[in-house]
Amino acid sequence: MSGEQGWDRARWLWILALIGGISFFIAVYQRWDGPAIWAWKATGVGFLALWAAANARGTNGWLIAAALGFGALGDWMLDAIGMLVGAAAFAAGHGIAIVLYLRNRRQDPSRSQTLLAVLVVPLALLIAWGLTRAAPADLMGAALAYTAIVAAMAACAWISRFPRYRTGIGAMLFLASDLFIFAGEGGALPKGVTLWLVWPFYFAGQALIAWGVVKTLSSEARAG
């Protein structure tokens, strides 16, 4: 199958995304910093966004490309500009993803799927509150607000028609990566532990989200 057929159009961008995202763990482990490292950090999800754009054949395809694009922008902004600005970029991406998932709701979700989707937001907020309750009120408020957006994205992904074992699990991994950040910042877990968890959970989550959505949409376009 050629690169212009099927869901793997421009597969070289997918490969570059994996190389960029997986290799960046070296920088995480070594605690490297600086403009070149910030750019490296954005390559994984940035190439996922370009890969999604290369495969886009309609509104849904462009929505997932935009959601990933804001994720890559957030990756860079967190270190280059600041936590709040980076979080705002991520929040915009989550908002776009929520629109995508609501446009593609599963027609007949099972009771267990619906129950998990209903519980994700309150459980995530409870965990985030427990992890940040010792922080200043404004920081705790920002953490809870951001957690609500990420958890809503994960809940919508779980009951979307995209594969739960790719897009759904990916969204849950993304949520978990943010909760691990709060665990490290709040002292619930040593940062030496969260160092090994945050980036792998985050990038694996983004890759699974992209894989599930892009493959589904492209396969449908090919069948049509």
N, C-alpha and C. Protein backbone atom coordinates (compact mmCIF):
# COMPACT_ATOMS: atom_id res chain seq x y z
N MET A 1 0.85 -1.19 0.00
CA MET A 1 0.00 0.00 0.00
C MET A 1 0.88 1.23 0.00
N SER A 2 0.65 2.14 -0.90
CA SER A 2 1.50 3.32 -1.00
C SER A 2 1.14 4.33 0.06
N GLY A 3 2.04 5.31 0.25
CA GLY A 3 1.82 6.32 1.27
C GLY A 3 0.64 7.22 0.98
N GLU A 4 0.15 7.25 -0.28
CA GLU A 4 -0.98 8.08 -0.62
C GLU A 4 -2.30 7.33 -0.52
N GLN A 5 -2.29 6.07 -0.09
CA GLN A 5 -3.49 5.28 0.03
C GLN A 5 -3.66 4.87 1.48
N GLY A 6 -4.93 4.66 1.88
CA GLY A 6 -5.16 4.16 3.22
C GLY A 6 -4.89 5.20 4.28
N TRP A 7 -4.84 4.73 5.51
CA TRP A 7 -4.73 5.66 6.63
C TRP A 7 -3.29 6.06 6.91
N ASP A 8 -2.32 5.41 6.21
CA ASP A 8 -0.92 5.69 6.54
C ASP A 8 -0.29 6.67 5.56
N ARG A 9 -1.07 7.57 5.01
CA ARG A 9 -0.50 8.61 4.15
C ARG A 9 0.55 9.38 4.93
N ALA A 10 1.68 9.66 4.27
CA ALA A 10 2.79 10.37 4.89
C ALA A 10 3.26 9.66 6.16
N ARG A 11 3.45 8.35 6.06
CA ARG A 11 3.87 7.58 7.23
C ARG A 11 5.19 8.09 7.79
N TRP A 12 6.01 8.70 6.95
CA TRP A 12 7.30 9.20 7.43
C TRP A 12 7.11 10.24 8.53
N LEU A 13 5.99 10.99 8.49
CA LEU A 13 5.72 11.94 9.56
C LEU A 13 5.39 11.22 10.87
N TRP A 14 4.66 10.11 10.77
CA TRP A 14 4.38 9.28 11.95
C TRP A 14 5.67 8.76 12.57
N ILE A 15 6.58 8.30 11.70
CA ILE A 15 7.85 7.77 12.19
C ILE A 15 8.67 8.87 12.85
N LEU A 16 8.71 10.05 12.24
CA LEU A 16 9.43 11.17 12.84
C LEU A 16 8.82 11.56 14.18
N ALA A 17 7.49 11.48 14.28
CA ALA A 17 6.83 11.78 15.55
C ALA A 17 7.28 10.82 16.64
N LEU A 18 7.32 9.54 16.32
CA LEU A 18 7.76 8.56 17.31
C LEU A 18 9.21 8.78 17.70
N ILE A 19 10.04 9.07 16.71
CA ILE A 19 11.46 9.32 17.02
C ILE A 19 11.59 10.55 17.93
N GLY A 20 10.89 11.63 17.58
CA GLY A 20 10.98 12.84 18.38
C GLY A 20 10.44 12.66 19.78
N GLY A 21 9.28 12.02 19.90
CA GLY A 21 8.66 11.86 21.21
C GLY A 21 9.39 10.89 22.11
N ILE A 22 9.81 9.76 21.55
CA ILE A 22 10.50 8.76 22.37
C ILE A 22 11.89 9.24 22.76
N SER A 23 12.60 9.84 21.81
CA SER A 23 13.96 10.27 22.10
C SER A 23 14.00 11.40 23.12
N PHE A 24 12.90 12.18 23.21
CA PHE A 24 12.92 13.31 24.14
C PHE A 24 13.04 12.86 25.59
N PHE A 25 12.73 11.62 25.87
CA PHE A 25 12.88 11.16 27.25
C PHE A 25 14.33 11.25 27.71
N ILE A 26 15.27 11.22 26.77
CA ILE A 26 16.69 11.42 27.13
C ILE A 26 16.86 12.79 27.77
N ALA A 27 16.26 13.82 27.13
CA ALA A 27 16.36 15.18 27.67
C ALA A 27 15.66 15.28 29.02
N VAL A 28 14.53 14.58 29.16
CA VAL A 28 13.82 14.59 30.45
C VAL A 28 14.70 13.99 31.53
N TYR A 29 15.27 12.84 31.24
CA TYR A 29 16.09 12.14 32.23
C TYR A 29 17.34 12.93 32.59
N GLN A 30 17.94 13.56 31.59
CA GLN A 30 19.17 14.33 31.83
C GLN A 30 18.88 15.74 32.37
N ARG A 31 17.58 16.11 32.39
CA ARG A 31 17.16 17.45 32.84
C ARG A 31 17.82 18.57 32.04
N TRP A 32 17.91 18.35 30.74
CA TRP A 32 18.46 19.37 29.86
C TRP A 32 17.45 20.50 29.67
N ASP A 33 17.96 21.70 29.37
CA ASP A 33 17.09 22.85 29.19
C ASP A 33 17.70 23.76 28.14
N GLY A 34 16.88 24.67 27.63
CA GLY A 34 17.36 25.63 26.65
C GLY A 34 16.49 25.61 25.40
N PRO A 35 16.63 26.62 24.54
CA PRO A 35 15.78 26.73 23.35
C PRO A 35 15.78 25.49 22.45
N ALA A 36 16.94 24.87 22.25
CA ALA A 36 16.98 23.68 21.40
C ALA A 36 16.19 22.53 22.03
N ILE A 37 16.24 22.42 23.34
CA ILE A 37 15.51 21.36 24.04
C ILE A 37 14.01 21.63 23.98
N TRP A 38 13.62 22.90 24.08
CA TRP A 38 12.19 23.24 23.99
C TRP A 38 11.65 22.86 22.60
N ALA A 39 12.45 23.12 21.57
CA ALA A 39 12.03 22.76 20.20
C ALA A 39 11.95 21.24 20.05
N TRP A 40 12.93 20.54 20.60
CA TRP A 40 12.94 19.07 20.56
C TRP A 40 11.67 18.53 21.21
N LYS A 41 11.29 19.11 22.33
CA LYS A 41 10.12 18.65 23.06
C LYS A 41 8.86 18.71 22.19
N ALA A 42 8.77 19.71 21.34
CA ALA A 42 7.57 19.89 20.52
C ALA A 42 7.55 19.02 19.27
N THR A 43 8.66 18.34 18.97
CA THR A 43 8.70 17.60 17.71
C THR A 43 7.76 16.39 17.71
N GLY A 44 7.67 15.69 18.84
CA GLY A 44 6.84 14.48 18.86
C GLY A 44 5.40 14.77 18.48
N VAL A 45 4.73 15.60 19.25
CA VAL A 45 3.32 15.92 18.97
C VAL A 45 3.20 16.82 17.76
N GLY A 46 4.22 17.64 17.49
CA GLY A 46 4.19 18.47 16.30
C GLY A 46 4.12 17.64 15.03
N PHE A 47 4.93 16.58 14.95
CA PHE A 47 4.87 15.71 13.78
C PHE A 47 3.57 14.89 13.75
N LEU A 48 3.03 14.56 14.92
CA LEU A 48 1.72 13.91 14.94
C LEU A 48 0.67 14.83 14.31
N ALA A 49 0.74 16.13 14.64
CA ALA A 49 -0.21 17.09 14.08
C ALA A 49 -0.05 17.19 12.56
N LEU A 50 1.19 17.22 12.09
CA LEU A 50 1.42 17.29 10.65
C LEU A 50 0.94 16.01 9.96
N TRP A 51 1.16 14.87 10.62
CA TRP A 51 0.69 13.60 10.06
C TRP A 51 -0.83 13.58 9.98
N ALA A 52 -1.50 14.06 11.02
CA ALA A 52 -2.96 14.14 11.00
C ALA A 52 -3.43 15.07 9.90
N ALA A 53 -2.76 16.20 9.72
CA ALA A 53 -3.13 17.14 8.66
C ALA A 53 -2.95 16.52 7.28
N ALA A 54 -1.87 15.76 7.11
CA ALA A 54 -1.63 15.11 5.82
C ALA A 54 -2.71 14.09 5.49
N ASN A 55 -3.33 13.53 6.51
CA ASN A 55 -4.38 12.53 6.31
C ASN A 55 -5.78 13.12 6.37
N ALA A 56 -5.91 14.41 6.68
CA ALA A 56 -7.23 15.02 6.85
C ALA A 56 -7.98 15.07 5.53
N ARG A 57 -9.23 14.66 5.59
CA ARG A 57 -10.08 14.68 4.41
C ARG A 57 -11.42 15.35 4.70
N GLY A 58 -11.53 16.03 5.79
CA GLY A 58 -12.78 16.68 6.16
C GLY A 58 -12.63 17.39 7.49
N THR A 59 -13.74 17.89 8.01
CA THR A 59 -13.71 18.67 9.24
C THR A 59 -13.13 17.88 10.41
N ASN A 60 -13.54 16.62 10.58
CA ASN A 60 -13.03 15.83 11.70
C ASN A 60 -11.51 15.67 11.63
N GLY A 61 -11.00 15.47 10.43
CA GLY A 61 -9.56 15.32 10.27
C GLY A 61 -8.81 16.58 10.64
N TRP A 62 -9.37 17.73 10.29
CA TRP A 62 -8.71 18.99 10.63
C TRP A 62 -8.84 19.30 12.10
N LEU A 63 -9.93 18.84 12.72
CA LEU A 63 -10.08 19.06 14.16
C LEU A 63 -9.00 18.31 14.95
N ILE A 64 -8.74 17.04 14.60
CA ILE A 64 -7.71 16.30 15.35
C ILE A 64 -6.33 16.89 15.06
N ALA A 65 -6.10 17.36 13.83
CA ALA A 65 -4.82 18.01 13.53
C ALA A 65 -4.65 19.27 14.36
N ALA A 66 -5.73 20.07 14.50
CA ALA A 66 -5.66 21.30 15.29
C ALA A 66 -5.45 21.00 16.77
N ALA A 67 -6.16 19.98 17.29
CA ALA A 67 -6.00 19.62 18.70
C ALA A 67 -4.56 19.22 18.99
N LEU A 68 -3.97 18.43 18.11
CA LEU A 68 -2.57 18.02 18.29
C LEU A 68 -1.64 19.21 18.12
N GLY A 69 -1.97 20.10 17.19
CA GLY A 69 -1.14 21.28 16.98
C GLY A 69 -1.06 22.16 18.22
N PHE A 70 -2.20 22.35 18.89
CA PHE A 70 -2.18 23.13 20.13
C PHE A 70 -1.40 22.38 21.22
N GLY A 71 -1.44 21.04 21.19
CA GLY A 71 -0.64 20.27 22.14
C GLY A 71 0.85 20.51 21.94
N ALA A 72 1.28 20.51 20.69
CA ALA A 72 2.69 20.77 20.40
C ALA A 72 3.07 22.19 20.81
N LEU A 73 2.18 23.15 20.54
CA LEU A 73 2.44 24.52 20.96
C LEU A 73 2.55 24.61 22.48
N GLY A 74 1.67 23.89 23.18
CA GLY A 74 1.73 23.88 24.64
C GLY A 74 3.03 23.28 25.14
N ASP A 75 3.50 22.21 24.49
CA ASP A 75 4.78 21.60 24.87
C ASP A 75 5.90 22.63 24.86
N TRP A 76 5.91 23.44 23.80
CA TRP A 76 6.97 24.44 23.68
C TRP A 76 6.75 25.58 24.67
N MET A 77 5.52 26.05 24.79
CA MET A 77 5.24 27.22 25.63
C MET A 77 5.49 26.95 27.11
N LEU A 78 5.23 25.74 27.57
CA LEU A 78 5.41 25.44 29.00
C LEU A 78 6.80 25.84 29.48
N ASP A 79 7.81 25.53 28.67
CA ASP A 79 9.18 25.83 29.06
C ASP A 79 9.67 27.17 28.53
N ALA A 80 9.25 27.52 27.32
CA ALA A 80 9.77 28.74 26.70
C ALA A 80 9.13 30.00 27.25
N ILE A 81 7.85 29.92 27.66
CA ILE A 81 7.14 31.11 28.12
C ILE A 81 6.68 30.98 29.57
N GLY A 82 6.00 29.89 29.89
CA GLY A 82 5.55 29.72 31.27
C GLY A 82 4.42 28.72 31.37
N MET A 83 4.18 28.26 32.60
CA MET A 83 3.21 27.22 32.86
C MET A 83 1.80 27.62 32.47
N LEU A 84 1.37 28.83 32.84
CA LEU A 84 -0.01 29.24 32.59
C LEU A 84 -0.29 29.41 31.10
N VAL A 85 0.65 29.98 30.38
CA VAL A 85 0.48 30.17 28.94
C VAL A 85 0.46 28.81 28.23
N GLY A 86 1.36 27.93 28.63
CA GLY A 86 1.37 26.59 28.05
C GLY A 86 0.08 25.84 28.34
N ALA A 87 -0.40 25.96 29.58
CA ALA A 87 -1.65 25.30 29.95
C ALA A 87 -2.82 25.84 29.13
N ALA A 88 -2.80 27.14 28.80
CA ALA A 88 -3.86 27.73 27.99
C ALA A 88 -3.87 27.12 26.59
N ALA A 89 -2.68 26.89 26.03
CA ALA A 89 -2.60 26.26 24.71
C ALA A 89 -3.16 24.84 24.76
N PHE A 90 -2.79 24.11 25.81
CA PHE A 90 -3.33 22.76 25.97
C PHE A 90 -4.85 22.79 26.13
N ALA A 91 -5.35 23.75 26.92
CA ALA A 91 -6.79 23.85 27.14
C ALA A 91 -7.52 24.10 25.82
N ALA A 92 -6.94 24.94 24.96
CA ALA A 92 -7.55 25.17 23.65
C ALA A 92 -7.60 23.88 22.84
N GLY A 93 -6.51 23.12 22.89
CA GLY A 93 -6.49 21.84 22.20
C GLY A 93 -7.53 20.87 22.73
N HIS A 94 -7.67 20.84 24.06
CA HIS A 94 -8.69 19.97 24.65
C HIS A 94 -10.09 20.39 24.23
N GLY A 95 -10.32 21.70 24.15
CA GLY A 95 -11.63 22.19 23.72
C GLY A 95 -11.95 21.72 22.30
N ILE A 96 -10.97 21.81 21.42
CA ILE A 96 -11.15 21.34 20.04
C ILE A 96 -11.40 19.83 20.03
N ALA A 97 -10.65 19.08 20.85
CA ALA A 97 -10.84 17.63 20.91
C ALA A 97 -12.24 17.28 21.41
N ILE A 98 -12.73 18.02 22.39
CA ILE A 98 -14.08 17.77 22.90
C ILE A 98 -15.11 17.96 21.78
N VAL A 99 -14.96 19.02 20.99
CA VAL A 99 -15.86 19.22 19.86
C VAL A 99 -15.80 18.03 18.91
N LEU A 100 -14.59 17.56 18.61
CA LEU A 100 -14.42 16.40 17.73
C LEU A 100 -15.15 15.18 18.27
N TYR A 101 -14.95 14.89 19.55
CA TYR A 101 -15.54 13.68 20.12
C TYR A 101 -17.06 13.79 20.22
N LEU A 102 -17.56 14.98 20.53
CA LEU A 102 -19.01 15.14 20.59
C LEU A 102 -19.65 15.04 19.21
N ARG A 103 -18.92 15.45 18.19
CA ARG A 103 -19.40 15.27 16.81
C ARG A 103 -19.43 13.80 16.42
N ASN A 104 -18.68 12.99 17.14
CA ASN A 104 -18.53 11.57 16.80
C ASN A 104 -18.89 10.69 17.99
N ARG A 105 -20.01 10.98 18.63
CA ARG A 105 -20.44 10.19 19.78
C ARG A 105 -20.80 8.76 19.37
N ARG A 106 -20.49 7.82 20.24
CA ARG A 106 -20.89 6.44 20.03
C ARG A 106 -22.41 6.35 20.16
N GLN A 107 -23.04 5.65 19.24
CA GLN A 107 -24.50 5.61 19.21
C GLN A 107 -25.10 4.87 20.41
N ASP A 108 -24.54 3.74 20.75
CA ASP A 108 -25.11 2.93 21.83
C ASP A 108 -24.02 2.49 22.81
N PRO A 109 -23.49 3.42 23.60
CA PRO A 109 -22.46 3.03 24.58
C PRO A 109 -23.05 2.10 25.63
N SER A 110 -22.23 1.18 26.13
CA SER A 110 -22.69 0.28 27.17
C SER A 110 -22.82 1.04 28.49
N ARG A 111 -23.46 0.41 29.46
CA ARG A 111 -23.63 1.05 30.76
C ARG A 111 -22.27 1.31 31.41
N SER A 112 -21.36 0.35 31.28
CA SER A 112 -20.04 0.53 31.90
C SER A 112 -19.27 1.67 31.24
N GLN A 113 -19.40 1.81 29.93
CA GLN A 113 -18.74 2.91 29.23
C GLN A 113 -19.31 4.26 29.67
N THR A 114 -20.62 4.31 29.76
CA THR A 114 -21.27 5.55 30.19
C THR A 114 -20.92 5.89 31.64
N LEU A 115 -20.90 4.87 32.49
CA LEU A 115 -20.58 5.09 33.90
C LEU A 115 -19.17 5.64 34.06
N LEU A 116 -18.22 5.06 33.34
CA LEU A 116 -16.85 5.55 33.43
C LEU A 116 -16.76 6.99 32.95
N ALA A 117 -17.44 7.31 31.86
CA ALA A 117 -17.41 8.68 31.34
C ALA A 117 -17.99 9.66 32.35
N VAL A 118 -19.05 9.25 33.05
CA VAL A 118 -19.67 10.12 34.04
C VAL A 118 -18.77 10.33 35.25
N LEU A 119 -18.03 9.29 35.62
CA LEU A 119 -17.22 9.36 36.84
C LEU A 119 -15.85 10.01 36.64
N VAL A 120 -15.38 10.07 35.39
CA VAL A 120 -14.01 10.54 35.15
C VAL A 120 -13.78 11.94 35.71
N VAL A 121 -14.67 12.87 35.40
CA VAL A 121 -14.45 14.26 35.82
C VAL A 121 -14.46 14.41 37.34
N PRO A 122 -15.49 13.93 38.05
CA PRO A 122 -15.46 14.12 39.51
C PRO A 122 -14.31 13.38 40.18
N LEU A 123 -13.97 12.19 39.70
CA LEU A 123 -12.85 11.46 40.31
C LEU A 123 -11.52 12.18 40.06
N ALA A 124 -11.33 12.68 38.84
CA ALA A 124 -10.09 13.40 38.53
C ALA A 124 -9.98 14.67 39.37
N LEU A 125 -11.10 15.37 39.54
CA LEU A 125 -11.08 16.59 40.36
C LEU A 125 -10.78 16.26 41.82
N LEU A 126 -11.33 15.17 42.32
CA LEU A 126 -11.05 14.77 43.70
C LEU A 126 -9.58 14.44 43.88
N ILE A 127 -9.01 13.71 42.93
CA ILE A 127 -7.59 13.36 43.01
C ILE A 127 -6.73 14.62 42.92
N ALA A 128 -7.06 15.51 41.95
CA ALA A 128 -6.28 16.73 41.79
C ALA A 128 -6.36 17.60 43.04
N TRP A 129 -7.54 17.67 43.65
CA TRP A 129 -7.67 18.45 44.89
C TRP A 129 -6.80 17.85 46.00
N GLY A 130 -6.81 16.54 46.12
CA GLY A 130 -5.99 15.90 47.15
C GLY A 130 -4.51 16.13 46.94
N LEU A 131 -4.10 16.22 45.67
CA LEU A 131 -2.68 16.40 45.36
C LEU A 131 -2.22 17.84 45.48
N THR A 132 -3.15 18.80 45.40
CA THR A 132 -2.75 20.22 45.38
C THR A 132 -3.32 21.03 46.55
N ARG A 133 -3.95 20.38 47.51
CA ARG A 133 -4.63 21.13 48.56
C ARG A 133 -3.66 21.92 49.44
N ALA A 134 -2.39 21.54 49.44
CA ALA A 134 -1.41 22.29 50.23
C ALA A 134 -0.84 23.49 49.46
N ALA A 135 -1.19 23.59 48.18
CA ALA A 135 -0.67 24.69 47.36
C ALA A 135 -1.47 25.96 47.63
N PRO A 136 -0.93 27.12 47.23
CA PRO A 136 -1.70 28.36 47.35
C PRO A 136 -3.03 28.24 46.62
N ALA A 137 -4.03 28.98 47.10
CA ALA A 137 -5.39 28.84 46.58
C ALA A 137 -5.47 29.11 45.08
N ASP A 138 -4.73 30.11 44.59
CA ASP A 138 -4.83 30.42 43.17
C ASP A 138 -4.25 29.30 42.31
N LEU A 139 -3.15 28.70 42.76
CA LEU A 139 -2.56 27.60 42.02
C LEU A 139 -3.45 26.37 42.06
N MET A 140 -4.04 26.11 43.23
CA MET A 140 -4.94 24.97 43.33
C MET A 140 -6.15 25.17 42.43
N GLY A 141 -6.68 26.40 42.38
CA GLY A 141 -7.81 26.69 41.52
C GLY A 141 -7.48 26.47 40.05
N ALA A 142 -6.29 26.92 39.64
CA ALA A 142 -5.87 26.73 38.24
C ALA A 142 -5.72 25.25 37.93
N ALA A 143 -5.15 24.49 38.88
CA ALA A 143 -4.97 23.06 38.67
C ALA A 143 -6.31 22.35 38.52
N LEU A 144 -7.28 22.73 39.36
CA LEU A 144 -8.59 22.09 39.29
C LEU A 144 -9.32 22.46 38.00
N ALA A 145 -9.21 23.71 37.58
CA ALA A 145 -9.87 24.13 36.35
C ALA A 145 -9.29 23.38 35.15
N TYR A 146 -7.95 23.28 35.12
CA TYR A 146 -7.32 22.57 34.01
C TYR A 146 -7.68 21.08 34.05
N THR A 147 -7.69 20.49 35.24
CA THR A 147 -8.05 19.08 35.37
C THR A 147 -9.45 18.82 34.85
N ALA A 148 -10.37 19.73 35.12
CA ALA A 148 -11.75 19.57 34.65
C ALA A 148 -11.79 19.50 33.12
N ILE A 149 -10.98 20.34 32.46
CA ILE A 149 -10.97 20.36 31.00
C ILE A 149 -10.38 19.06 30.45
N VAL A 150 -9.24 18.63 31.02
CA VAL A 150 -8.60 17.40 30.55
C VAL A 150 -9.51 16.20 30.79
N ALA A 151 -10.12 16.14 31.97
CA ALA A 151 -10.98 15.02 32.30
C ALA A 151 -12.21 15.00 31.40
N ALA A 152 -12.76 16.18 31.08
CA ALA A 152 -13.91 16.23 30.16
C ALA A 152 -13.50 15.71 28.79
N MET A 153 -12.31 16.07 28.34
CA MET A 153 -11.81 15.56 27.06
C MET A 153 -11.71 14.04 27.09
N ALA A 154 -11.15 13.50 28.20
CA ALA A 154 -11.00 12.05 28.30
C ALA A 154 -12.36 11.35 28.34
N ALA A 155 -13.31 11.94 29.05
CA ALA A 155 -14.65 11.35 29.13
C ALA A 155 -15.31 11.32 27.75
N CYS A 156 -15.19 12.42 27.02
CA CYS A 156 -15.79 12.48 25.68
C CYS A 156 -15.10 11.51 24.73
N ALA A 157 -13.79 11.38 24.86
CA ALA A 157 -13.06 10.42 24.01
C ALA A 157 -13.53 9.00 24.29
N TRP A 158 -13.78 8.70 25.56
CA TRP A 158 -14.15 7.34 25.94
C TRP A 158 -15.49 6.91 25.34
N ILE A 159 -16.41 7.85 25.19
CA ILE A 159 -17.72 7.49 24.64
C ILE A 159 -17.87 7.94 23.18
N SER A 160 -16.75 8.28 22.54
CA SER A 160 -16.79 8.58 21.11
C SER A 160 -16.76 7.26 20.33
N ARG A 161 -16.96 7.36 19.04
CA ARG A 161 -16.95 6.15 18.21
C ARG A 161 -15.55 5.71 17.83
N PHE A 162 -14.55 6.48 18.24
CA PHE A 162 -13.18 6.10 17.94
C PHE A 162 -12.76 4.96 18.87
N PRO A 163 -11.80 4.13 18.48
CA PRO A 163 -11.46 2.94 19.26
C PRO A 163 -11.06 3.27 20.70
N ARG A 164 -11.73 2.63 21.65
CA ARG A 164 -11.43 2.90 23.07
C ARG A 164 -10.04 2.44 23.43
N TYR A 165 -9.55 1.37 22.81
CA TYR A 165 -8.23 0.86 23.18
C TYR A 165 -7.10 1.60 22.48
N ARG A 166 -7.43 2.62 21.73
CA ARG A 166 -6.43 3.54 21.20
C ARG A 166 -6.77 4.95 21.66
N THR A 167 -7.78 5.55 21.07
CA THR A 167 -8.12 6.93 21.42
C THR A 167 -8.59 7.06 22.87
N GLY A 168 -9.47 6.16 23.31
CA GLY A 168 -9.99 6.24 24.68
C GLY A 168 -8.89 6.06 25.72
N ILE A 169 -8.08 5.01 25.56
CA ILE A 169 -6.98 4.78 26.50
C ILE A 169 -5.97 5.91 26.41
N GLY A 170 -5.70 6.40 25.19
CA GLY A 170 -4.76 7.51 25.03
C GLY A 170 -5.18 8.73 25.80
N ALA A 171 -6.48 9.05 25.74
CA ALA A 171 -6.98 10.21 26.48
C ALA A 171 -6.84 10.02 27.98
N MET A 172 -7.07 8.80 28.45
CA MET A 172 -6.91 8.52 29.88
C MET A 172 -5.44 8.62 30.30
N LEU A 173 -4.54 8.18 29.44
CA LEU A 173 -3.11 8.32 29.74
C LEU A 173 -2.71 9.80 29.82
N PHE A 174 -3.28 10.60 28.93
CA PHE A 174 -3.01 12.05 28.96
C PHE A 174 -3.46 12.62 30.31
N LEU A 175 -4.66 12.26 30.74
CA LEU A 175 -5.16 12.73 32.04
C LEU A 175 -4.24 12.27 33.17
N ALA A 176 -3.82 11.01 33.12
CA ALA A 176 -2.94 10.48 34.16
C ALA A 176 -1.62 11.23 34.21
N SER A 177 -1.09 11.62 33.05
CA SER A 177 0.20 12.33 33.03
C SER A 177 0.09 13.65 33.77
N ASP A 178 -1.05 14.33 33.61
CA ASP A 178 -1.23 15.61 34.31
C ASP A 178 -1.38 15.39 35.82
N LEU A 179 -2.07 14.33 36.20
CA LEU A 179 -2.21 14.05 37.63
C LEU A 179 -0.86 13.68 38.25
N PHE A 180 0.00 13.03 37.47
CA PHE A 180 1.35 12.73 37.97
C PHE A 180 2.15 14.03 38.15
N ILE A 181 1.93 15.00 37.28
CA ILE A 181 2.59 16.30 37.46
C ILE A 181 2.19 16.90 38.80
N PHE A 182 0.88 16.91 39.09
CA PHE A 182 0.39 17.46 40.35
C PHE A 182 0.93 16.66 41.54
N ALA A 183 1.06 15.34 41.36
CA ALA A 183 1.59 14.50 42.44
C ALA A 183 3.03 14.87 42.76
N GLY A 184 3.80 15.17 41.71
CA GLY A 184 5.18 15.57 41.94
C GLY A 184 5.30 16.95 42.54
N GLU A 185 4.50 17.89 42.02
CA GLU A 185 4.56 19.25 42.53
C GLU A 185 4.01 19.34 43.95
N GLY A 186 3.01 18.52 44.27
CA GLY A 186 2.41 18.58 45.59
C GLY A 186 3.10 17.73 46.63
N GLY A 187 4.10 16.95 46.21
CA GLY A 187 4.86 16.14 47.15
C GLY A 187 4.26 14.79 47.45
N ALA A 188 3.15 14.41 46.76
CA ALA A 188 2.57 13.10 47.01
C ALA A 188 3.48 11.99 46.49
N LEU A 189 4.22 12.28 45.43
CA LEU A 189 5.21 11.35 44.89
C LEU A 189 6.52 12.11 44.70
N PRO A 190 7.65 11.46 44.91
CA PRO A 190 8.93 12.13 44.66
C PRO A 190 9.06 12.47 43.18
N LYS A 191 9.66 13.61 42.90
CA LYS A 191 9.84 13.99 41.50
C LYS A 191 10.74 13.01 40.76
N GLY A 192 11.58 12.30 41.50
CA GLY A 192 12.39 11.27 40.88
C GLY A 192 11.56 10.12 40.35
N VAL A 193 10.35 9.96 40.91
CA VAL A 193 9.42 8.93 40.42
C VAL A 193 8.59 9.47 39.27
N THR A 194 8.03 10.67 39.44
CA THR A 194 7.18 11.22 38.39
C THR A 194 7.98 11.53 37.12
N LEU A 195 9.29 11.72 37.27
CA LEU A 195 10.16 11.92 36.12
C LEU A 195 10.00 10.79 35.12
N TRP A 196 9.82 9.57 35.61
CA TRP A 196 9.72 8.38 34.77
C TRP A 196 8.31 8.16 34.23
N LEU A 197 7.35 8.93 34.69
CA LEU A 197 5.96 8.67 34.36
C LEU A 197 5.32 9.73 33.47
N VAL A 198 5.60 11.00 33.73
CA VAL A 198 4.85 12.07 33.08
C VAL A 198 5.02 12.04 31.56
N TRP A 199 6.25 12.13 31.07
CA TRP A 199 6.44 12.19 29.62
C TRP A 199 6.01 10.91 28.92
N PRO A 200 6.39 9.71 29.38
CA PRO A 200 5.92 8.50 28.69
C PRO A 200 4.40 8.40 28.62
N PHE A 201 3.70 8.71 29.72
CA PHE A 201 2.24 8.65 29.71
C PHE A 201 1.68 9.70 28.74
N TYR A 202 2.24 10.89 28.77
CA TYR A 202 1.75 11.97 27.92
C TYR A 202 1.93 11.65 26.44
N PHE A 203 3.16 11.32 26.06
CA PHE A 203 3.39 11.11 24.63
C PHE A 203 2.69 9.86 24.12
N ALA A 204 2.70 8.79 24.91
CA ALA A 204 1.96 7.59 24.51
C ALA A 204 0.48 7.92 24.33
N GLY A 205 -0.06 8.74 25.24
CA GLY A 205 -1.45 9.14 25.13
C GLY A 205 -1.73 9.90 23.85
N GLN A 206 -0.90 10.87 23.53
CA GLN A 206 -1.11 11.66 22.31
C GLN A 206 -0.98 10.78 21.06
N ALA A 207 0.00 9.88 21.06
CA ALA A 207 0.19 9.00 19.90
C ALA A 207 -1.01 8.07 19.71
N LEU A 208 -1.53 7.52 20.81
CA LEU A 208 -2.69 6.64 20.71
C LEU A 208 -3.93 7.39 20.26
N ILE A 209 -4.12 8.61 20.78
CA ILE A 209 -5.25 9.43 20.34
C ILE A 209 -5.18 9.66 18.83
N ALA A 210 -4.02 10.10 18.36
CA ALA A 210 -3.85 10.38 16.94
C ALA A 210 -4.06 9.12 16.10
N TRP A 211 -3.47 8.02 16.52
CA TRP A 211 -3.58 6.76 15.77
C TRP A 211 -5.05 6.34 15.65
N GLY A 212 -5.77 6.35 16.75
CA GLY A 212 -7.16 5.91 16.72
C GLY A 212 -8.04 6.78 15.84
N VAL A 213 -7.90 8.10 15.96
CA VAL A 213 -8.76 9.00 15.21
C VAL A 213 -8.40 8.99 13.73
N VAL A 214 -7.12 9.15 13.42
CA VAL A 214 -6.70 9.25 12.03
C VAL A 214 -6.97 7.96 11.28
N LYS A 215 -6.68 6.82 11.90
CA LYS A 215 -6.92 5.55 11.21
C LYS A 215 -8.41 5.36 10.93
N THR A 216 -9.25 5.69 11.91
CA THR A 216 -10.69 5.53 11.72
C THR A 216 -11.21 6.42 10.59
N LEU A 217 -10.85 7.69 10.62
CA LEU A 217 -11.35 8.62 9.62
C LEU A 217 -10.83 8.28 8.23
N SER A 218 -9.57 7.93 8.12
CA SER A 218 -8.98 7.64 6.83
C SER A 218 -9.52 6.33 6.24
N SER A 219 -9.74 5.34 7.11
CA SER A 219 -10.31 4.08 6.64
C SER A 219 -11.72 4.29 6.11
N GLU A 220 -12.49 5.14 6.79
CA GLU A 220 -13.85 5.44 6.34
C GLU A 220 -13.83 6.19 5.01
N ALA A 221 -12.91 7.13 4.86
CA ALA A 221 -12.82 7.88 3.61
C ALA A 221 -12.44 6.96 2.46
N ARG A 222 -11.55 6.02 2.71
CA ARG A 222 -11.13 5.09 1.67
C ARG A 222 -12.30 4.18 1.28
N ALA A 223 -13.06 3.72 2.30
CA ALA A 223 -14.19 2.83 2.03
C ALA A 223 -15.29 3.55 1.25
N GLY A 224 -15.42 4.87 1.52
CA GLY A 224 -16.45 5.64 0.84
C GLY A 224 -16.09 5.94 -0.59
